[in-house]
Amino acid sequence: MTAQIDDLFRHNGINFSLSGISEGKLFEPSLFGLNPKGTCSACWRGYQAIFAVSDSRLVMDTLHVSLFTEEEGYKKQVGPPN
């Protein structure tokens, strides 16, 4: 069994693995029109989220997502910085 890529919380330049939460999800890709595809056994969800604190709020700092389509294959896209 392959270990899954963890979501991370970044604080003061240190990454902390998020191994689980007690209720719900921290991020739901479909709410943003994303349909990630698991492309390797280490990331069946198809995405990794990195969170941080900004202005006393929990924010998503970085999102790595696999958006594979049969027509285009893999296509790198860069989203907005905010």
Protein backbone atom coordinates (compact mmCIF):
# COMPACT_ATOMS: atom_id res chain seq x y z
CA MET A 1 0.00 0.00 0.00
CA THR A 2 1.42 3.38 -1.02
CA ALA A 3 1.31 6.23 1.48
CA GLN A 4 -0.77 9.15 0.27
CA ILE A 5 0.64 12.64 -0.24
CA ASP A 6 -0.37 14.71 2.78
CA ASP A 7 -1.92 18.13 2.73
CA LEU A 8 0.38 20.56 4.53
CA PHE A 9 0.18 23.49 6.91
CA ARG A 10 3.06 25.94 6.44
CA HIS A 11 4.08 28.08 9.42
CA ASN A 12 7.26 30.14 9.80
CA GLY A 13 8.82 28.33 6.86
CA ILE A 14 8.15 24.87 8.34
CA ASN A 15 5.78 22.37 6.69
CA PHE A 16 3.54 20.29 8.98
CA SER A 17 1.69 17.26 7.59
CA LEU A 18 -2.09 17.22 8.03
CA SER A 19 -2.88 13.60 8.66
CA GLY A 20 -6.58 14.00 9.39
CA ILE A 21 -9.35 16.32 10.49
CA SER A 22 -12.28 15.65 12.80
CA GLU A 23 -15.14 16.90 10.60
CA GLY A 24 -15.68 17.50 6.89
CA LYS A 25 -13.02 18.51 4.41
CA LEU A 26 -10.69 21.50 4.41
CA PHE A 27 -11.06 21.86 0.64
CA GLU A 28 -13.65 20.66 -1.85
CA PRO A 29 -12.39 20.98 -5.46
CA SER A 30 -15.83 20.63 -7.05
CA LEU A 31 -16.97 23.90 -5.42
CA PHE A 32 -14.46 25.63 -7.72
CA GLY A 33 -15.37 23.68 -10.85
CA LEU A 34 -12.32 21.41 -10.54
CA ASN A 35 -12.48 17.69 -11.23
CA PRO A 36 -9.07 16.33 -10.14
CA LYS A 37 -7.90 12.96 -11.41
CA GLY A 38 -5.72 10.62 -9.41
CA THR A 39 -2.75 9.93 -11.64
CA CYS A 40 -0.51 7.93 -9.35
CA SER A 41 -0.96 5.58 -6.39
CA ALA A 42 0.45 8.24 -4.01
CA CYS A 43 -2.34 10.74 -4.76
CA TRP A 44 -5.68 9.08 -5.47
CA ARG A 45 -7.51 12.37 -4.68
CA GLY A 46 -5.68 14.11 -7.51
CA TYR A 47 -4.67 17.14 -5.48
CA GLN A 48 -2.55 18.41 -2.60
CA ALA A 49 -3.42 21.56 -0.66
CA ILE A 50 -0.96 23.65 1.33
CA PHE A 51 -2.47 25.93 3.98
CA ALA A 52 -1.04 28.86 5.93
CA VAL A 53 -2.17 31.71 8.17
CA SER A 54 -2.52 35.17 6.66
CA ASP A 55 -3.96 38.13 8.58
CA SER A 56 -5.09 35.73 11.35
CA ARG A 57 -7.03 33.57 8.88
CA LEU A 58 -6.47 30.06 7.61
CA VAL A 59 -5.91 30.30 3.85
CA MET A 60 -4.96 27.94 1.06
CA ASP A 61 -1.44 29.01 0.11
CA THR A 62 -0.83 26.55 -2.74
CA LEU A 63 -2.87 23.97 -4.63
CA HIS A 64 -1.34 21.22 -6.75
CA VAL A 65 -4.07 19.54 -8.81
CA SER A 66 -4.06 16.98 -11.61
CA LEU A 67 -6.51 17.95 -14.34
CA PHE A 68 -6.04 15.19 -16.87
CA THR A 69 -8.27 14.89 -19.94
CA GLU A 70 -8.14 12.26 -22.65
CA GLU A 71 -8.12 14.97 -25.34
CA GLU A 72 -5.36 17.16 -23.90
CA GLY A 73 -3.48 14.80 -21.57
CA TYR A 74 -1.67 16.76 -18.90
CA LYS A 75 -1.71 20.50 -19.28
CA LYS A 76 0.01 22.77 -16.77
CA GLN A 77 -2.07 25.74 -15.74
CA VAL A 78 -1.20 28.51 -13.34
CA GLY A 79 -4.06 29.95 -11.34
CA PRO A 80 -4.47 33.38 -9.80
CA PRO A 81 -2.14 34.25 -6.91
CA ASN A 82 -5.08 35.21 -4.63
